[in-house]
């Protein structure tokens, strides 16, 4: 019995997008609540997303 399974690229792309969004949300919340932890990662994210900032609006922009 042979089953041909193919990877659904739309599902993979959607899953990776959701995981990346949750990662940005978690890092942003940690960096905003901590004085030292997570700021280096947040600064790197700011280079990738120019409008991103460690604020409520910036977090929403990064998640979307």
N, C-alpha and C. Protein backbone atom coordinates (compact mmCIF):
# COMPACT_ATOMS: atom_id res chain seq x y z
N UNK A 1 0.84 -1.17 0.00
CA UNK A 1 0.00 0.00 0.00
C UNK A 1 0.89 1.24 0.00
N UNK A 2 0.79 2.00 -1.05
CA UNK A 2 1.62 3.19 -1.21
C UNK A 2 0.73 4.43 -1.20
N UNK A 3 1.12 5.38 -0.39
CA UNK A 3 0.38 6.64 -0.38
C UNK A 3 1.33 7.74 -0.80
N UNK A 4 0.89 8.53 -1.71
CA UNK A 4 1.70 9.67 -2.17
C UNK A 4 1.29 10.90 -1.38
N UNK A 5 2.18 11.35 -0.54
CA UNK A 5 1.91 12.55 0.26
C UNK A 5 2.77 13.68 -0.26
N UNK A 6 2.15 14.80 -0.44
CA UNK A 6 2.87 15.99 -0.90
C UNK A 6 2.77 17.07 0.16
N UNK A 7 3.77 17.89 0.22
CA UNK A 7 3.78 19.00 1.17
C UNK A 7 2.92 20.12 0.59
N UNK A 8 1.98 20.57 1.38
CA UNK A 8 1.13 21.68 0.98
C UNK A 8 1.87 22.98 1.32
N UNK A 9 2.37 23.66 0.30
CA UNK A 9 3.21 24.84 0.53
C UNK A 9 2.43 25.99 1.15
N UNK A 10 1.15 26.09 0.89
CA UNK A 10 0.35 27.15 1.51
C UNK A 10 0.24 26.95 3.01
N UNK A 11 0.06 25.72 3.42
CA UNK A 11 -0.04 25.42 4.85
C UNK A 11 1.30 25.65 5.54
N UNK A 12 2.39 25.27 4.90
CA UNK A 12 3.72 25.49 5.46
C UNK A 12 4.00 26.99 5.59
N UNK A 13 3.68 27.77 4.57
CA UNK A 13 3.90 29.21 4.61
C UNK A 13 3.06 29.87 5.69
N UNK A 14 1.81 29.48 5.80
CA UNK A 14 0.94 30.04 6.84
C UNK A 14 1.44 29.67 8.23
N UNK A 15 1.85 28.45 8.42
CA UNK A 15 2.37 28.00 9.72
C UNK A 15 3.63 28.76 10.10
N UNK A 16 4.56 28.91 9.17
CA UNK A 16 5.79 29.65 9.46
C UNK A 16 5.50 31.12 9.75
N UNK A 17 4.55 31.70 9.05
CA UNK A 17 4.16 33.09 9.31
C UNK A 17 3.58 33.27 10.70
N UNK A 18 2.74 32.32 11.11
CA UNK A 18 2.15 32.40 12.45
C UNK A 18 3.21 32.21 13.52
N UNK A 19 4.12 31.26 13.32
CA UNK A 19 5.19 31.02 14.30
C UNK A 19 6.09 32.24 14.41
N UNK A 20 6.47 32.86 13.28
CA UNK A 20 7.32 34.05 13.29
C UNK A 20 6.61 35.21 14.00
N UNK A 21 5.32 35.34 13.76
CA UNK A 21 4.55 36.40 14.39
C UNK A 21 4.50 36.21 15.90
N UNK A 22 4.28 34.99 16.35
CA UNK A 22 4.26 34.72 17.79
C UNK A 22 5.64 34.92 18.42
N UNK A 23 6.70 34.59 17.67
CA UNK A 23 8.06 34.82 18.15
C UNK A 23 8.31 36.33 18.35
N UNK A 24 7.91 37.13 17.35
CA UNK A 24 8.07 38.58 17.48
C UNK A 24 7.28 39.12 18.66
N UNK A 25 6.08 38.62 18.85
CA UNK A 25 5.27 39.07 19.97
C UNK A 25 5.93 38.73 21.30
N UNK A 26 6.43 37.50 21.44
CA UNK A 26 7.06 37.09 22.69
C UNK A 26 8.34 37.88 22.97
N UNK A 27 9.18 38.03 21.96
CA UNK A 27 10.43 38.79 22.15
C UNK A 27 10.12 40.24 22.50
N UNK A 28 9.13 40.82 21.86
CA UNK A 28 8.78 42.22 22.13
C UNK A 28 8.27 42.40 23.55
N UNK A 29 7.41 41.51 23.99
CA UNK A 29 6.88 41.61 25.35
C UNK A 29 7.99 41.42 26.37
N UNK A 30 8.87 40.46 26.14
CA UNK A 30 9.99 40.23 27.06
C UNK A 30 10.91 41.44 27.09
N UNK A 31 11.22 42.01 25.93
CA UNK A 31 12.12 43.16 25.88
C UNK A 31 11.50 44.39 26.54
N UNK A 32 10.19 44.57 26.40
CA UNK A 32 9.53 45.72 27.02
C UNK A 32 9.44 45.56 28.54
N UNK A 33 9.30 44.32 29.02
CA UNK A 33 9.15 44.12 30.45
C UNK A 33 10.49 43.99 31.18
N UNK A 34 11.57 43.76 30.43
CA UNK A 34 12.88 43.60 31.03
C UNK A 34 13.77 44.79 30.68
N UNK A 35 14.68 45.11 31.58
CA UNK A 35 15.58 46.22 31.31
C UNK A 35 16.77 45.81 30.46
N UNK A 36 17.17 44.54 30.51
CA UNK A 36 18.38 44.13 29.80
C UNK A 36 18.15 42.99 28.82
N UNK A 37 17.18 42.14 29.07
CA UNK A 37 17.02 40.93 28.28
C UNK A 37 16.18 41.19 27.02
N UNK A 38 16.67 40.74 25.89
CA UNK A 38 15.91 40.81 24.65
C UNK A 38 16.11 42.05 23.81
N UNK A 39 16.86 43.01 24.30
CA UNK A 39 17.03 44.25 23.57
C UNK A 39 17.91 44.07 22.33
N UNK A 40 18.89 43.19 22.38
CA UNK A 40 19.72 42.94 21.20
C UNK A 40 18.91 42.33 20.07
N UNK A 41 18.04 41.40 20.41
CA UNK A 41 17.19 40.78 19.39
C UNK A 41 16.20 41.81 18.85
N UNK A 42 15.65 42.63 19.73
CA UNK A 42 14.71 43.66 19.29
C UNK A 42 15.40 44.67 18.37
N UNK A 43 16.64 45.02 18.64
CA UNK A 43 17.37 45.93 17.76
C UNK A 43 17.62 45.30 16.40
N UNK A 44 17.88 43.99 16.37
CA UNK A 44 18.04 43.30 15.09
C UNK A 44 16.72 43.31 14.31
N UNK A 45 15.62 43.07 15.02
CA UNK A 45 14.32 43.10 14.36
C UNK A 45 14.03 44.48 13.79
N UNK A 46 14.49 45.53 14.48
CA UNK A 46 14.30 46.89 13.98
C UNK A 46 15.05 47.13 12.68
N UNK A 47 16.14 46.41 12.43
CA UNK A 47 16.84 46.56 11.16
C UNK A 47 16.09 45.87 10.03
N UNK A 48 15.33 44.83 10.35
CA UNK A 48 14.57 44.11 9.33
C UNK A 48 13.24 44.81 9.05
N UNK A 49 12.56 45.26 10.10
CA UNK A 49 11.29 45.97 9.99
C UNK A 49 11.53 47.43 10.40
N UNK A 50 11.67 48.35 9.44
CA UNK A 50 12.03 49.72 9.77
C UNK A 50 11.02 50.44 10.69
N UNK A 51 9.74 50.14 10.61
CA UNK A 51 8.74 50.82 11.44
C UNK A 51 8.53 50.16 12.79
N UNK A 52 9.21 49.06 13.04
CA UNK A 52 9.06 48.34 14.31
C UNK A 52 9.72 49.13 15.43
N UNK A 53 9.07 49.16 16.59
CA UNK A 53 9.62 49.82 17.77
C UNK A 53 9.12 49.07 19.00
N UNK A 54 9.84 49.20 20.09
CA UNK A 54 9.41 48.57 21.34
C UNK A 54 8.33 49.42 22.00
N UNK A 55 7.18 49.40 21.41
CA UNK A 55 6.00 50.06 21.93
C UNK A 55 4.80 49.23 21.55
N UNK A 56 3.65 49.58 22.05
CA UNK A 56 2.45 48.80 21.72
C UNK A 56 2.17 48.84 20.23
N UNK A 57 2.28 50.00 19.62
CA UNK A 57 2.04 50.13 18.17
C UNK A 57 3.11 49.39 17.39
N UNK A 58 4.35 49.45 17.82
CA UNK A 58 5.43 48.73 17.16
C UNK A 58 5.27 47.23 17.22
N UNK A 59 4.77 46.75 18.36
CA UNK A 59 4.55 45.32 18.51
C UNK A 59 3.43 44.87 17.57
N UNK A 60 2.36 45.64 17.50
CA UNK A 60 1.27 45.30 16.59
C UNK A 60 1.76 45.31 15.15
N UNK A 61 2.58 46.28 14.78
CA UNK A 61 3.14 46.33 13.43
C UNK A 61 4.02 45.11 13.16
N UNK A 62 4.82 44.73 14.11
CA UNK A 62 5.70 43.58 13.93
C UNK A 62 4.94 42.27 13.81
N UNK A 63 3.86 42.15 14.55
CA UNK A 63 3.06 40.93 14.52
C UNK A 63 2.28 40.81 13.22
N UNK A 64 1.82 41.93 12.71
CA UNK A 64 1.06 41.89 11.45
C UNK A 64 2.01 41.82 10.30
